[in-house]
Protein backbone atom coordinates (compact mmCIF):
# COMPACT_ATOMS: atom_id res chain seq x y z
CA MET A 1 -14.94 28.22 19.01
CA VAL A 2 -11.85 27.18 17.04
CA LEU A 3 -10.66 23.63 17.58
CA THR A 4 -7.18 22.74 18.84
CA ALA A 5 -4.46 20.97 16.85
CA ILE A 6 -5.33 17.61 18.42
CA GLU A 7 -9.02 18.01 17.62
CA THR A 8 -8.19 19.02 14.04
CA ILE A 9 -5.94 16.00 13.56
CA LEU A 10 -8.53 13.70 15.16
CA ILE A 11 -11.13 14.94 12.66
CA SER A 12 -8.80 14.10 9.78
CA LEU A 13 -8.11 10.70 11.40
CA LEU A 14 -11.86 10.05 11.61
CA MET A 15 -12.27 11.04 7.95
CA SER A 16 -9.47 8.72 6.83
CA VAL A 17 -10.84 5.79 8.87
CA ILE A 18 -14.31 6.33 7.34
CA TYR A 19 -12.66 6.46 3.90
CA VAL A 20 -10.91 3.12 4.57
CA ILE A 21 -14.12 1.52 5.86
CA LEU A 22 -16.01 2.63 2.74
CA GLY A 23 -13.20 1.30 0.56
CA VAL A 24 -13.33 -2.06 2.30
CA ALA A 25 -17.13 -2.16 2.06
CA LYS A 26 -17.09 -1.58 -1.71
CA SER A 27 -14.38 -4.23 -2.24
CA VAL A 28 -16.48 -7.27 -1.35
CA GLY A 29 -14.66 -10.47 -2.23
CA GLU A 30 -11.22 -8.84 -2.30
CA ASP A 31 -8.62 -9.33 0.40
CA PHE A 32 -8.19 -6.56 2.97
CA GLU A 33 -4.79 -4.95 2.56
CA PRO A 34 -3.68 -3.45 5.89
CA ILE A 35 -0.67 -1.68 4.33
CA LYS A 36 -2.93 0.25 1.93
CA ALA A 37 -5.37 1.04 4.76
CA GLY A 38 -2.51 2.23 6.97
CA ALA A 39 -1.09 4.38 4.18
CA THR A 40 -4.50 5.99 3.66
CA ILE A 41 -4.83 6.74 7.37
CA VAL A 42 -1.31 8.20 7.53
CA LEU A 43 -2.06 10.37 4.48
CA GLY A 44 -5.23 11.58 6.20
CA LEU A 45 -3.24 12.50 9.31
CA ILE A 46 -0.73 14.38 7.17
CA ILE A 47 -3.54 16.30 5.49
CA GLY A 48 -5.02 17.27 8.86
CA THR A 49 -1.62 18.34 10.18
CA VAL A 50 -0.82 20.41 7.09
CA MET A 51 -4.25 22.04 7.16
CA TYR A 52 -3.75 22.97 10.83
CA ILE A 53 -0.23 24.30 10.26
CA SER A 54 -1.39 26.32 7.26
CA GLY A 55 -3.81 28.15 9.55
CA ILE A 56 -7.09 26.91 8.12
CA PRO A 57 -9.24 26.84 11.24
CA ILE A 58 -11.85 24.22 11.95
CA THR A 59 -14.76 25.53 13.94
CA GLU A 60 -17.62 23.58 15.41
CA ALA A 61 -19.86 25.10 12.75
CA ASN A 62 -17.88 23.79 9.80
CA VAL A 63 -16.74 20.31 10.89
CA THR A 64 -18.87 18.64 8.18
CA GLU A 65 -17.42 20.94 5.52
CA GLN A 66 -13.89 20.17 6.69
CA LEU A 67 -14.57 16.42 6.62
CA ALA A 68 -15.69 16.77 3.00
CA ILE A 69 -12.62 18.86 2.13
CA TYR A 70 -10.27 16.38 3.81
CA CYS A 71 -11.96 13.47 2.03
CA GLY A 72 -11.62 15.22 -1.33
CA LEU A 73 -7.97 16.00 -0.69
CA LEU A 74 -7.33 12.44 0.41
CA TYR A 75 -8.93 11.06 -2.76
CA VAL A 76 -6.97 13.36 -5.07
CA LEU A 77 -3.62 12.94 -3.31
CA GLU A 78 -4.00 9.19 -3.01
CA ASN A 79 -4.67 8.87 -6.72
CA ILE A 80 -1.75 11.16 -7.62
CA ILE A 81 0.57 9.03 -5.48
CA LYS A 82 -0.79 5.80 -7.01
CA THR A 83 -0.28 7.20 -10.53
CA ILE A 84 3.31 8.22 -9.80
CA VAL A 85 4.13 4.87 -8.18
CA ARG A 86 2.62 2.92 -11.09
CA ARG A 87 4.49 5.01 -13.66
CA LEU A 88 7.79 4.46 -11.84
CA ALA A 89 7.25 0.70 -11.45
């Protein structure tokens, strides 16, 4: 069974929230930055939307694989954006 657009985007939302939680957990002693967390979640939603629009189906059998792919994409894109922003600043 192929998942719908909403289910696909919810999976990417879940992945980005888990990514933020892990980031907060590893940053013990640092202040939580809601703007960075929100940007990460928005980027995760964009990734899920683009993946759905591009026709890459998520099936019940490969949800775990898709979560890993989304997490990898989020990590790479987030670091590319950070690099560009830091170079421009």
